[in-house]
Each structure stands twice: as structure tokens, then as C-alpha cells.
Amino acid sequence: GGWDNFTGTTLFDEEKNMSCTAAYSYYTELEEGLLNFNASAETCFSKVAFDNMTFAEAYSYMGMTCCQDGLGLCSPYTMNPCADPSAYVMTEYIGPMETWCFELMSQLPAMEGTADTCASELVLAKYNMTMSAQEGVTGAALSCCTDRVGICDDFSANPCKNPDAYVKNQTTRVGWSYYQCSDAMFMF
């Protein structure tokens, strides 16, 4: 972490031929708060002055390109949809949302997978969208988690009379297509 993790000479914006160091300097001129920023659950989700995004989103973009591990300052405070945190692959693409996992997850605060949090609503302001946490986290886990298991899976629908008999990874047919049971249940 810290500056030893920062790759200043990496190209941040190809179109403007701007390195990470130049981009950081440019953005700190636009937003004084970036220079002495103290990351917290509260500060990461306040808006920056220069764009319609939060500090979490800004640092996510910078971190993805300019940090050796890809993690921006606000990473600990943004959503990881995976039941096993190490299964999260931030560089996967979420087709239906037409965005990258890191980009979408940086818009949402971290949460634990409990019955209450999974029953709550998520607001994706950038997409002008509100959805249940169950739906959003399950959908994100299908793209962003190597094992496709999300933090809300324990609270998802189970079609079996005996809940212990549910085999999430079993293939089933829905209409003319085949899906894993966990994916098919997400459709209903």
C-alpha cells in the first residue's frame, strides 16, 4: 500500500497521453480534498468537485491503473460481492451493465451478507437505478466472483422442499437454454 505501490509513470489516460503522476497532479488541482484525503466509509462516498462521482469511484479508477495491486484508497470501503473475498476479480466485465466489476462496485459501500442487508435496496445513481441488494449482489457475483458465490446467496430463493438438497451448480433447462441452478433462480 501507499506510495511504494503507486506506479507514476504508467499511462493513465491514453487519449491525453497523461501519466499517473500527471493525472494525480491534475486532479488534485481540481479537487483540493484529494491531496490530504483520509479514506473512511463516510469520506469515500462524498462527491468530488470535478465530476459526478464519489471519491471511491475516483480512487478506484486511479487505483486500477496506477497501483501495482489495482486497489485505490477507498477499496476497503467499497462492495466486494463475493462470499469468499479472495474470489473477487475486479477486472471482470459485467455484460448486462456494460461496465467493469471495479467500476460498479466502487459505487456501492461495503456490506456484510445478512438477511437484513440482502433485503435492503441498492441505489446506482450513475445508472439511475434502484434494485434489491439480493438481485444486485447475486448478479455481480455471477460475473465478479471466480466461484460465482455472492454474500447474499444464503438468502436467495431455494426451489427444494429439503433446502439441504439444493445443488446450485447443477445445470437445468429454462425454456430453450441451459443454466446453473443458481443462475436460473436469479431469473425468477
N, C-alpha and C. Protein backbone atom coordinates (compact mmCIF):
# COMPACT_ATOMS: atom_id res chain seq x y z
N GLY A 1 0.80 -1.19 0.00
CA GLY A 1 0.00 0.00 0.00
C GLY A 1 0.84 1.25 0.00
N GLY A 2 0.20 2.40 -0.06
CA GLY A 2 0.91 3.68 -0.01
C GLY A 2 1.64 4.02 -1.30
N TRP A 3 2.54 4.97 -1.20
CA TRP A 3 3.25 5.46 -2.39
C TRP A 3 4.18 4.42 -3.01
N ASP A 4 4.67 3.45 -2.22
CA ASP A 4 5.52 2.41 -2.79
C ASP A 4 4.73 1.50 -3.74
N ASN A 5 3.42 1.56 -3.70
CA ASN A 5 2.53 0.79 -4.56
C ASN A 5 2.11 1.59 -5.80
N PHE A 6 2.41 2.89 -5.83
CA PHE A 6 1.99 3.80 -6.89
C PHE A 6 2.95 3.68 -8.08
N THR A 7 2.40 3.53 -9.28
CA THR A 7 3.21 3.44 -10.49
C THR A 7 3.02 4.72 -11.30
N GLY A 8 3.75 5.75 -10.94
CA GLY A 8 3.57 7.09 -11.51
C GLY A 8 3.80 7.21 -12.99
N THR A 9 4.69 6.40 -13.56
CA THR A 9 4.98 6.54 -14.98
C THR A 9 4.00 5.79 -15.88
N THR A 10 3.13 4.98 -15.30
CA THR A 10 2.13 4.25 -16.08
C THR A 10 1.19 5.23 -16.77
N LEU A 11 0.81 4.92 -18.00
CA LEU A 11 -0.10 5.77 -18.76
C LEU A 11 -1.51 5.65 -18.19
N PHE A 12 -2.05 6.74 -17.66
CA PHE A 12 -3.38 6.75 -17.07
C PHE A 12 -4.44 7.04 -18.11
N ASP A 13 -4.21 8.05 -18.94
CA ASP A 13 -5.18 8.47 -19.96
C ASP A 13 -4.46 8.49 -21.30
N GLU A 14 -4.70 7.45 -22.09
CA GLU A 14 -4.02 7.31 -23.38
C GLU A 14 -4.37 8.45 -24.33
N GLU A 15 -5.65 8.84 -24.32
CA GLU A 15 -6.11 9.91 -25.22
C GLU A 15 -5.37 11.23 -24.97
N LYS A 16 -5.13 11.53 -23.68
CA LYS A 16 -4.44 12.79 -23.31
C LYS A 16 -2.94 12.57 -23.10
N ASN A 17 -2.46 11.34 -23.31
CA ASN A 17 -1.07 10.98 -23.07
C ASN A 17 -0.62 11.43 -21.68
N MET A 18 -1.43 11.10 -20.67
CA MET A 18 -1.22 11.55 -19.30
C MET A 18 -0.79 10.38 -18.42
N SER A 19 0.34 10.53 -17.75
CA SER A 19 0.82 9.50 -16.83
C SER A 19 0.02 9.55 -15.54
N CYS A 20 0.19 8.55 -14.70
CA CYS A 20 -0.49 8.53 -13.41
C CYS A 20 -0.08 9.72 -12.54
N THR A 21 1.21 10.06 -12.55
CA THR A 21 1.69 11.21 -11.77
C THR A 21 1.03 12.50 -12.27
N ALA A 22 0.99 12.68 -13.59
CA ALA A 22 0.38 13.89 -14.16
C ALA A 22 -1.12 13.92 -13.86
N ALA A 23 -1.78 12.77 -13.96
CA ALA A 23 -3.22 12.71 -13.68
C ALA A 23 -3.49 13.06 -12.23
N TYR A 24 -2.70 12.52 -11.32
CA TYR A 24 -2.89 12.80 -9.89
C TYR A 24 -2.69 14.30 -9.62
N SER A 25 -1.67 14.90 -10.23
CA SER A 25 -1.44 16.34 -10.07
C SER A 25 -2.61 17.14 -10.63
N TYR A 26 -3.08 16.76 -11.81
CA TYR A 26 -4.20 17.44 -12.46
C TYR A 26 -5.45 17.38 -11.58
N TYR A 27 -5.78 16.20 -11.09
CA TYR A 27 -6.99 16.04 -10.30
C TYR A 27 -6.89 16.70 -8.93
N THR A 28 -5.70 16.74 -8.35
CA THR A 28 -5.57 17.41 -7.05
C THR A 28 -5.72 18.92 -7.19
N GLU A 29 -5.41 19.46 -8.37
CA GLU A 29 -5.67 20.89 -8.62
C GLU A 29 -7.16 21.16 -8.69
N LEU A 30 -7.92 20.23 -9.27
CA LEU A 30 -9.36 20.38 -9.39
C LEU A 30 -10.09 20.12 -8.08
N GLU A 31 -9.56 19.23 -7.27
CA GLU A 31 -10.20 18.84 -6.02
C GLU A 31 -9.17 18.81 -4.91
N GLU A 32 -9.14 19.90 -4.13
CA GLU A 32 -8.18 20.01 -3.03
C GLU A 32 -8.26 18.82 -2.07
N GLY A 33 -9.46 18.27 -1.91
CA GLY A 33 -9.67 17.18 -0.98
C GLY A 33 -8.89 15.92 -1.30
N LEU A 34 -8.42 15.77 -2.54
CA LEU A 34 -7.66 14.58 -2.91
C LEU A 34 -6.28 14.56 -2.27
N LEU A 35 -5.69 15.74 -2.09
CA LEU A 35 -4.31 15.82 -1.63
C LEU A 35 -4.13 15.28 -0.22
N ASN A 36 -4.98 15.65 0.69
CA ASN A 36 -4.87 15.20 2.08
C ASN A 36 -6.05 14.32 2.47
N PHE A 37 -6.45 13.47 1.58
CA PHE A 37 -7.64 12.66 1.76
C PHE A 37 -7.41 11.56 2.80
N ASN A 38 -8.33 11.45 3.75
CA ASN A 38 -8.33 10.36 4.73
C ASN A 38 -9.51 9.46 4.41
N ALA A 39 -9.22 8.29 3.89
CA ALA A 39 -10.28 7.37 3.47
C ALA A 39 -11.04 6.82 4.67
N SER A 40 -12.37 6.87 4.56
CA SER A 40 -13.25 6.26 5.56
C SER A 40 -14.54 5.90 4.85
N ALA A 41 -15.40 5.16 5.52
CA ALA A 41 -16.69 4.79 4.92
C ALA A 41 -17.49 6.03 4.56
N GLU A 42 -17.35 7.08 5.33
CA GLU A 42 -18.09 8.32 5.07
C GLU A 42 -17.45 9.16 3.97
N THR A 43 -16.14 9.42 4.07
CA THR A 43 -15.48 10.31 3.10
C THR A 43 -15.44 9.71 1.70
N CYS A 44 -15.31 8.40 1.61
CA CYS A 44 -15.20 7.76 0.29
C CYS A 44 -16.47 7.93 -0.55
N PHE A 45 -17.62 8.11 0.11
CA PHE A 45 -18.86 8.23 -0.66
C PHE A 45 -19.40 9.65 -0.72
N SER A 46 -18.54 10.63 -0.43
CA SER A 46 -18.90 12.02 -0.68
C SER A 46 -18.46 12.35 -2.11
N LYS A 47 -19.10 13.35 -2.69
CA LYS A 47 -18.85 13.68 -4.10
C LYS A 47 -17.58 14.52 -4.26
N VAL A 48 -16.86 14.28 -5.35
CA VAL A 48 -15.73 15.13 -5.72
C VAL A 48 -16.26 16.32 -6.50
N ALA A 49 -15.50 17.38 -6.53
CA ALA A 49 -15.96 18.63 -7.16
C ALA A 49 -15.90 18.60 -8.69
N PHE A 50 -15.00 17.81 -9.28
CA PHE A 50 -14.75 17.93 -10.71
C PHE A 50 -15.56 17.00 -11.60
N ASP A 51 -16.31 16.09 -11.04
CA ASP A 51 -17.07 15.16 -11.88
C ASP A 51 -18.24 14.64 -11.05
N ASN A 52 -19.17 14.02 -11.70
CA ASN A 52 -20.32 13.45 -10.99
C ASN A 52 -19.97 12.06 -10.49
N MET A 53 -18.99 12.02 -9.56
CA MET A 53 -18.57 10.74 -9.00
C MET A 53 -18.14 10.95 -7.55
N THR A 54 -18.03 9.85 -6.84
CA THR A 54 -17.58 9.91 -5.45
C THR A 54 -16.06 9.73 -5.41
N PHE A 55 -15.49 10.00 -4.24
CA PHE A 55 -14.06 9.75 -4.05
C PHE A 55 -13.76 8.27 -4.28
N ALA A 56 -14.66 7.39 -3.86
CA ALA A 56 -14.45 5.95 -4.06
C ALA A 56 -14.30 5.63 -5.54
N GLU A 57 -15.14 6.23 -6.37
CA GLU A 57 -15.04 5.99 -7.81
C GLU A 57 -13.74 6.57 -8.37
N ALA A 58 -13.41 7.79 -7.97
CA ALA A 58 -12.18 8.44 -8.47
C ALA A 58 -10.95 7.61 -8.09
N TYR A 59 -10.87 7.21 -6.84
CA TYR A 59 -9.72 6.43 -6.41
C TYR A 59 -9.73 5.02 -6.99
N SER A 60 -10.89 4.50 -7.31
CA SER A 60 -10.98 3.20 -7.94
C SER A 60 -10.35 3.24 -9.34
N TYR A 61 -10.69 4.28 -10.11
CA TYR A 61 -10.11 4.43 -11.44
C TYR A 61 -8.60 4.61 -11.36
N MET A 62 -8.15 5.49 -10.46
CA MET A 62 -6.72 5.73 -10.30
C MET A 62 -6.03 4.45 -9.83
N GLY A 63 -6.62 3.78 -8.85
CA GLY A 63 -6.01 2.57 -8.30
C GLY A 63 -5.88 1.46 -9.33
N MET A 64 -6.91 1.30 -10.15
CA MET A 64 -6.91 0.23 -11.15
C MET A 64 -5.73 0.36 -12.10
N THR A 65 -5.39 1.58 -12.47
CA THR A 65 -4.32 1.81 -13.43
C THR A 65 -2.98 2.11 -12.76
N CYS A 66 -3.02 2.86 -11.67
CA CYS A 66 -1.79 3.44 -11.13
C CYS A 66 -1.21 2.73 -9.91
N CYS A 67 -1.88 1.72 -9.40
CA CYS A 67 -1.37 0.99 -8.23
C CYS A 67 -1.04 -0.43 -8.66
N GLN A 68 0.09 -0.93 -8.22
CA GLN A 68 0.54 -2.26 -8.63
C GLN A 68 -0.48 -3.33 -8.31
N ASP A 69 -1.21 -3.18 -7.21
CA ASP A 69 -2.21 -4.19 -6.84
C ASP A 69 -3.61 -3.84 -7.34
N GLY A 70 -3.77 -2.68 -8.00
CA GLY A 70 -5.06 -2.27 -8.55
C GLY A 70 -6.03 -1.68 -7.54
N LEU A 71 -5.62 -1.53 -6.29
CA LEU A 71 -6.53 -1.09 -5.24
C LEU A 71 -6.33 0.39 -4.91
N GLY A 72 -7.40 1.16 -5.01
CA GLY A 72 -7.38 2.56 -4.64
C GLY A 72 -7.59 2.73 -3.14
N LEU A 73 -7.43 3.96 -2.65
CA LEU A 73 -7.54 4.24 -1.21
C LEU A 73 -8.86 3.80 -0.60
N CYS A 74 -9.93 3.86 -1.36
CA CYS A 74 -11.26 3.55 -0.82
C CYS A 74 -11.65 2.08 -0.98
N SER A 75 -10.80 1.26 -1.53
CA SER A 75 -11.13 -0.15 -1.76
C SER A 75 -11.70 -0.87 -0.53
N PRO A 76 -11.14 -0.64 0.68
CA PRO A 76 -11.70 -1.35 1.84
C PRO A 76 -13.14 -0.96 2.17
N TYR A 77 -13.61 0.15 1.62
CA TYR A 77 -14.94 0.66 1.96
C TYR A 77 -15.95 0.45 0.83
N THR A 78 -15.52 -0.20 -0.27
CA THR A 78 -16.44 -0.45 -1.38
C THR A 78 -16.86 -1.92 -1.38
N MET A 79 -17.92 -2.20 -2.09
CA MET A 79 -18.53 -3.52 -2.11
C MET A 79 -17.62 -4.58 -2.73
N ASN A 80 -17.54 -5.71 -2.07
CA ASN A 80 -16.98 -6.94 -2.63
C ASN A 80 -18.15 -7.91 -2.56
N PRO A 81 -18.72 -8.30 -3.71
CA PRO A 81 -19.93 -9.11 -3.70
C PRO A 81 -19.70 -10.58 -3.39
N CYS A 82 -18.45 -11.00 -3.24
CA CYS A 82 -18.13 -12.42 -3.12
C CYS A 82 -18.15 -12.92 -1.67
N ALA A 83 -18.74 -14.09 -1.47
CA ALA A 83 -18.76 -14.72 -0.14
C ALA A 83 -17.33 -14.97 0.32
N ASP A 84 -16.46 -15.38 -0.59
CA ASP A 84 -15.04 -15.54 -0.32
C ASP A 84 -14.36 -14.30 -0.92
N PRO A 85 -13.94 -13.34 -0.09
CA PRO A 85 -13.37 -12.10 -0.62
C PRO A 85 -12.23 -12.31 -1.61
N SER A 86 -11.48 -13.39 -1.47
CA SER A 86 -10.36 -13.64 -2.39
C SER A 86 -10.83 -14.09 -3.78
N ALA A 87 -12.12 -14.41 -3.92
CA ALA A 87 -12.67 -14.83 -5.22
C ALA A 87 -13.02 -13.64 -6.11
N TYR A 88 -12.92 -12.42 -5.57
CA TYR A 88 -13.29 -11.21 -6.32
C TYR A 88 -12.25 -10.90 -7.39
N VAL A 89 -12.71 -10.72 -8.62
CA VAL A 89 -11.86 -10.34 -9.74
C VAL A 89 -12.38 -9.01 -10.27
N MET A 90 -11.74 -7.94 -9.85
CA MET A 90 -12.23 -6.60 -10.18
C MET A 90 -12.14 -6.26 -11.65
N THR A 91 -11.34 -6.99 -12.41
CA THR A 91 -11.17 -6.69 -13.83
C THR A 91 -12.14 -7.45 -14.73
N GLU A 92 -13.06 -8.22 -14.15
CA GLU A 92 -14.07 -8.90 -14.98
C GLU A 92 -15.09 -7.88 -15.48
N TYR A 93 -15.68 -8.19 -16.60
CA TYR A 93 -16.67 -7.31 -17.24
C TYR A 93 -18.08 -7.82 -16.94
N ILE A 94 -18.96 -6.91 -16.55
CA ILE A 94 -20.36 -7.25 -16.29
C ILE A 94 -21.15 -6.86 -17.53
N GLY A 95 -21.42 -7.84 -18.38
CA GLY A 95 -22.08 -7.59 -19.66
C GLY A 95 -23.39 -6.83 -19.58
N PRO A 96 -24.36 -7.29 -18.76
CA PRO A 96 -25.65 -6.61 -18.73
C PRO A 96 -25.54 -5.13 -18.30
N MET A 97 -24.56 -4.80 -17.47
CA MET A 97 -24.39 -3.42 -17.01
C MET A 97 -23.41 -2.65 -17.90
N GLU A 98 -22.73 -3.34 -18.80
CA GLU A 98 -21.72 -2.76 -19.68
C GLU A 98 -20.68 -1.98 -18.90
N THR A 99 -20.12 -2.62 -17.88
CA THR A 99 -19.12 -1.98 -17.04
C THR A 99 -18.21 -3.04 -16.43
N TRP A 100 -17.14 -2.60 -15.82
CA TRP A 100 -16.19 -3.49 -15.15
C TRP A 100 -16.60 -3.65 -13.69
N CYS A 101 -16.23 -4.77 -13.10
CA CYS A 101 -16.58 -5.02 -11.69
C CYS A 101 -16.08 -3.90 -10.78
N PHE A 102 -14.83 -3.48 -10.94
CA PHE A 102 -14.30 -2.43 -10.07
C PHE A 102 -15.09 -1.14 -10.20
N GLU A 103 -15.55 -0.85 -11.41
CA GLU A 103 -16.28 0.39 -11.66
C GLU A 103 -17.65 0.36 -10.97
N LEU A 104 -18.35 -0.74 -11.11
CA LEU A 104 -19.67 -0.86 -10.50
C LEU A 104 -19.57 -0.94 -8.98
N MET A 105 -18.67 -1.77 -8.48
CA MET A 105 -18.55 -1.97 -7.03
C MET A 105 -18.06 -0.72 -6.31
N SER A 106 -17.33 0.16 -7.01
CA SER A 106 -16.87 1.40 -6.36
C SER A 106 -18.01 2.37 -6.10
N GLN A 107 -19.17 2.12 -6.69
CA GLN A 107 -20.34 2.97 -6.46
C GLN A 107 -21.13 2.54 -5.22
N LEU A 108 -20.77 1.38 -4.66
CA LEU A 108 -21.56 0.83 -3.55
C LEU A 108 -20.70 0.63 -2.31
N PRO A 109 -21.22 1.03 -1.16
CA PRO A 109 -20.45 0.82 0.08
C PRO A 109 -20.37 -0.66 0.43
N ALA A 110 -19.31 -1.03 1.12
CA ALA A 110 -19.14 -2.40 1.58
C ALA A 110 -20.32 -2.80 2.46
N MET A 111 -20.67 -4.06 2.41
CA MET A 111 -21.75 -4.56 3.27
C MET A 111 -21.48 -6.02 3.61
N GLU A 112 -22.01 -6.46 4.71
CA GLU A 112 -21.94 -7.86 5.08
C GLU A 112 -23.20 -8.54 4.55
N GLY A 113 -23.08 -9.79 4.21
CA GLY A 113 -24.24 -10.53 3.72
C GLY A 113 -25.08 -11.05 4.88
N THR A 114 -26.10 -10.30 5.24
CA THR A 114 -27.04 -10.71 6.28
C THR A 114 -28.44 -10.68 5.68
N ALA A 115 -29.39 -11.27 6.35
CA ALA A 115 -30.77 -11.25 5.86
C ALA A 115 -31.25 -9.81 5.68
N ASP A 116 -30.91 -8.94 6.62
CA ASP A 116 -31.36 -7.54 6.55
C ASP A 116 -30.69 -6.78 5.41
N THR A 117 -29.35 -6.89 5.29
CA THR A 117 -28.67 -6.13 4.24
C THR A 117 -29.04 -6.66 2.86
N CYS A 118 -29.22 -7.96 2.74
CA CYS A 118 -29.58 -8.54 1.44
C CYS A 118 -31.02 -8.21 1.05
N ALA A 119 -31.85 -7.86 2.01
CA ALA A 119 -33.23 -7.45 1.74
C ALA A 119 -33.33 -5.94 1.48
N SER A 120 -32.24 -5.20 1.69
CA SER A 120 -32.27 -3.75 1.51
C SER A 120 -32.18 -3.40 0.02
N GLU A 121 -32.21 -2.10 -0.27
CA GLU A 121 -32.12 -1.65 -1.65
C GLU A 121 -30.76 -1.04 -1.93
N LEU A 122 -30.27 -1.24 -3.13
CA LEU A 122 -29.05 -0.60 -3.61
C LEU A 122 -29.43 0.49 -4.58
N VAL A 123 -28.75 1.61 -4.51
CA VAL A 123 -29.01 2.72 -5.42
C VAL A 123 -27.76 2.94 -6.27
N LEU A 124 -27.92 2.79 -7.56
CA LEU A 124 -26.84 3.06 -8.50
C LEU A 124 -27.19 4.36 -9.21
N ALA A 125 -26.77 5.47 -8.62
CA ALA A 125 -27.14 6.80 -9.13
C ALA A 125 -26.66 7.01 -10.56
N LYS A 126 -25.46 6.54 -10.87
CA LYS A 126 -24.90 6.73 -12.21
C LYS A 126 -25.78 6.09 -13.28
N TYR A 127 -26.47 5.00 -12.93
CA TYR A 127 -27.33 4.29 -13.87
C TYR A 127 -28.81 4.63 -13.66
N ASN A 128 -29.09 5.55 -12.72
CA ASN A 128 -30.46 5.93 -12.39
C ASN A 128 -31.28 4.67 -12.10
N MET A 129 -30.74 3.81 -11.22
CA MET A 129 -31.33 2.51 -10.99
C MET A 129 -31.35 2.18 -9.49
N THR A 130 -32.44 1.57 -9.07
CA THR A 130 -32.56 1.03 -7.72
C THR A 130 -32.92 -0.44 -7.87
N MET A 131 -32.28 -1.29 -7.07
CA MET A 131 -32.58 -2.72 -7.12
C MET A 131 -32.38 -3.31 -5.74
N SER A 132 -32.93 -4.49 -5.53
CA SER A 132 -32.73 -5.14 -4.25
C SER A 132 -31.26 -5.55 -4.14
N ALA A 133 -30.73 -5.52 -2.93
CA ALA A 133 -29.35 -5.95 -2.73
C ALA A 133 -29.20 -7.40 -3.16
N GLN A 134 -30.22 -8.21 -2.89
CA GLN A 134 -30.20 -9.62 -3.29
C GLN A 134 -29.95 -9.75 -4.78
N GLU A 135 -30.72 -9.02 -5.56
CA GLU A 135 -30.59 -9.08 -7.02
C GLU A 135 -29.24 -8.54 -7.47
N GLY A 136 -28.85 -7.37 -6.96
CA GLY A 136 -27.61 -6.73 -7.38
C GLY A 136 -26.37 -7.53 -7.01
N VAL A 137 -26.32 -8.00 -5.77
CA VAL A 137 -25.15 -8.75 -5.31
C VAL A 137 -25.07 -10.10 -6.03
N THR A 138 -26.20 -10.79 -6.18
CA THR A 138 -26.20 -12.08 -6.87
C THR A 138 -25.77 -11.90 -8.32
N GLY A 139 -26.30 -10.89 -8.97
CA GLY A 139 -25.90 -10.61 -10.36
C GLY A 139 -24.43 -10.28 -10.49
N ALA A 140 -23.92 -9.45 -9.58
CA ALA A 140 -22.50 -9.09 -9.62
C ALA A 140 -21.62 -10.31 -9.35
N ALA A 141 -22.03 -11.16 -8.42
CA ALA A 141 -21.24 -12.34 -8.08
C ALA A 141 -21.09 -13.28 -9.27
N LEU A 142 -22.12 -13.34 -10.12
CA LEU A 142 -22.05 -14.22 -11.28
C LEU A 142 -20.94 -13.80 -12.24
N SER A 143 -20.63 -12.51 -12.29
CA SER A 143 -19.56 -12.01 -13.17
C SER A 143 -18.25 -11.78 -12.43
N CYS A 144 -18.31 -11.32 -11.19
CA CYS A 144 -17.12 -10.80 -10.50
C CYS A 144 -16.45 -11.79 -9.55
N CYS A 145 -17.07 -12.92 -9.26
CA CYS A 145 -16.51 -13.88 -8.31
C CYS A 145 -16.13 -15.16 -9.06
N THR A 146 -14.91 -15.60 -8.89
CA THR A 146 -14.45 -16.79 -9.63
C THR A 146 -15.32 -18.00 -9.33
N ASP A 147 -15.85 -18.09 -8.12
CA ASP A 147 -16.70 -19.23 -7.77
C ASP A 147 -18.19 -18.94 -7.94
N ARG A 148 -18.53 -17.70 -8.36
CA ARG A 148 -19.90 -17.26 -8.62
C ARG A 148 -20.79 -17.30 -7.37
N VAL A 149 -20.19 -17.26 -6.19
CA VAL A 149 -20.93 -17.30 -4.93
C VAL A 149 -20.88 -15.93 -4.28
N GLY A 150 -22.05 -15.32 -4.09
CA GLY A 150 -22.14 -13.98 -3.53
C GLY A 150 -22.46 -13.98 -2.05
N ILE A 151 -22.29 -12.82 -1.43
CA ILE A 151 -22.54 -12.68 0.01
C ILE A 151 -24.01 -12.81 0.36
N CYS A 152 -24.91 -12.74 -0.63
CA CYS A 152 -26.34 -12.88 -0.36
C CYS A 152 -26.90 -14.24 -0.78
N ASP A 153 -26.04 -15.12 -1.26
CA ASP A 153 -26.52 -16.42 -1.75
C ASP A 153 -27.26 -17.22 -0.69
N ASP A 154 -26.84 -17.12 0.55
CA ASP A 154 -27.52 -17.88 1.62
C ASP A 154 -28.95 -17.40 1.83
N PHE A 155 -29.28 -16.25 1.27
CA PHE A 155 -30.61 -15.67 1.46
C PHE A 155 -31.42 -15.66 0.16
N SER A 156 -30.91 -16.39 -0.85
CA SER A 156 -31.61 -16.41 -2.14
C SER A 156 -32.65 -17.52 -2.16
N ALA A 157 -33.48 -17.48 -3.18
CA ALA A 157 -34.55 -18.47 -3.31
C ALA A 157 -33.96 -19.87 -3.44
N ASN A 158 -34.66 -20.82 -2.85
CA ASN A 158 -34.26 -22.22 -2.91
C ASN A 158 -35.50 -23.00 -3.35
N PRO A 159 -35.45 -23.68 -4.51
CA PRO A 159 -36.63 -24.34 -5.04
C PRO A 159 -36.93 -25.71 -4.42
N CYS A 160 -36.08 -26.16 -3.51
CA CYS A 160 -36.20 -27.53 -2.99
C CYS A 160 -37.02 -27.60 -1.71
N LYS A 161 -37.85 -28.65 -1.61
CA LYS A 161 -38.60 -28.89 -0.38
C LYS A 161 -37.63 -29.10 0.78
N ASN A 162 -36.55 -29.85 0.54
CA ASN A 162 -35.49 -30.04 1.53
C ASN A 162 -34.36 -29.08 1.16
N PRO A 163 -34.21 -27.95 1.85
CA PRO A 163 -33.22 -26.95 1.48
C PRO A 163 -31.79 -27.48 1.35
N ASP A 164 -31.45 -28.51 2.11
CA ASP A 164 -30.10 -29.07 2.02
C ASP A 164 -29.86 -29.85 0.73
N ALA A 165 -30.92 -30.13 -0.01
CA ALA A 165 -30.80 -30.89 -1.25
C ALA A 165 -30.49 -29.99 -2.45
N TYR A 166 -30.50 -28.68 -2.26
CA TYR A 166 -30.27 -27.73 -3.36
C TYR A 166 -28.83 -27.81 -3.86
N VAL A 167 -28.66 -28.04 -5.16
CA VAL A 167 -27.34 -28.10 -5.78
C VAL A 167 -27.23 -26.90 -6.73
N LYS A 168 -26.65 -25.83 -6.25
CA LYS A 168 -26.59 -24.57 -7.00
C LYS A 168 -25.89 -24.70 -8.35
N ASN A 169 -24.87 -25.53 -8.43
CA ASN A 169 -24.08 -25.62 -9.66
C ASN A 169 -24.60 -26.65 -10.65
N GLN A 170 -25.71 -27.30 -10.32
CA GLN A 170 -26.33 -28.27 -11.23
C GLN A 170 -26.88 -27.52 -12.44
N THR A 171 -26.79 -28.11 -13.63
CA THR A 171 -27.32 -27.49 -14.84
C THR A 171 -28.79 -27.85 -14.98
N THR A 172 -29.59 -26.84 -15.33
CA THR A 172 -31.02 -27.04 -15.54
C THR A 172 -31.43 -26.33 -16.82
N ARG A 173 -32.56 -26.72 -17.34
CA ARG A 173 -33.07 -26.11 -18.57
C ARG A 173 -34.19 -25.14 -18.21
N VAL A 174 -34.11 -23.95 -18.76
CA VAL A 174 -35.16 -22.94 -18.64
C VAL A 174 -35.49 -22.51 -20.06
N GLY A 175 -36.68 -22.87 -20.51
CA GLY A 175 -37.02 -22.59 -21.91
C GLY A 175 -36.13 -23.41 -22.82
N TRP A 176 -35.45 -22.74 -23.75
CA TRP A 176 -34.58 -23.43 -24.69
C TRP A 176 -33.11 -23.35 -24.28
N SER A 177 -32.83 -22.76 -23.15
CA SER A 177 -31.44 -22.56 -22.73
C SER A 177 -31.13 -23.33 -21.45
N TYR A 178 -29.85 -23.56 -21.22
CA TYR A 178 -29.38 -24.27 -20.03
C TYR A 178 -28.62 -23.30 -19.13
N TYR A 179 -28.85 -23.41 -17.83
CA TYR A 179 -28.24 -22.53 -16.83
C TYR A 179 -27.85 -23.35 -15.61
N GLN A 180 -26.93 -22.81 -14.81
CA GLN A 180 -26.71 -23.38 -13.49
C GLN A 180 -27.93 -23.01 -12.67
N CYS A 181 -28.30 -23.86 -11.72
CA CYS A 181 -29.50 -23.61 -10.91
C CYS A 181 -29.44 -22.24 -10.22
N SER A 182 -28.26 -21.87 -9.72
CA SER A 182 -28.16 -20.56 -9.04
C SER A 182 -28.46 -19.42 -10.01
N ASP A 183 -28.03 -19.54 -11.26
CA ASP A 183 -28.32 -18.52 -12.26
C ASP A 183 -29.81 -18.50 -12.60
N ALA A 184 -30.39 -19.69 -12.74
CA ALA A 184 -31.81 -19.80 -13.08
C ALA A 184 -32.68 -19.20 -11.98
N MET A 185 -32.33 -19.45 -10.72
CA MET A 185 -33.11 -18.90 -9.61
C MET A 185 -33.03 -17.38 -9.59
N PHE A 186 -31.92 -16.82 -10.04
CA PHE A 186 -31.77 -15.38 -10.11
C PHE A 186 -32.73 -14.77 -11.14
N MET A 187 -33.15 -15.56 -12.10
CA MET A 187 -34.03 -15.08 -13.16
C MET A 187 -35.47 -14.90 -12.69
N PHE A 188 -35.83 -15.54 -11.60
CA PHE A 188 -37.24 -15.51 -11.14
C PHE A 188 -37.44 -14.50 -10.04
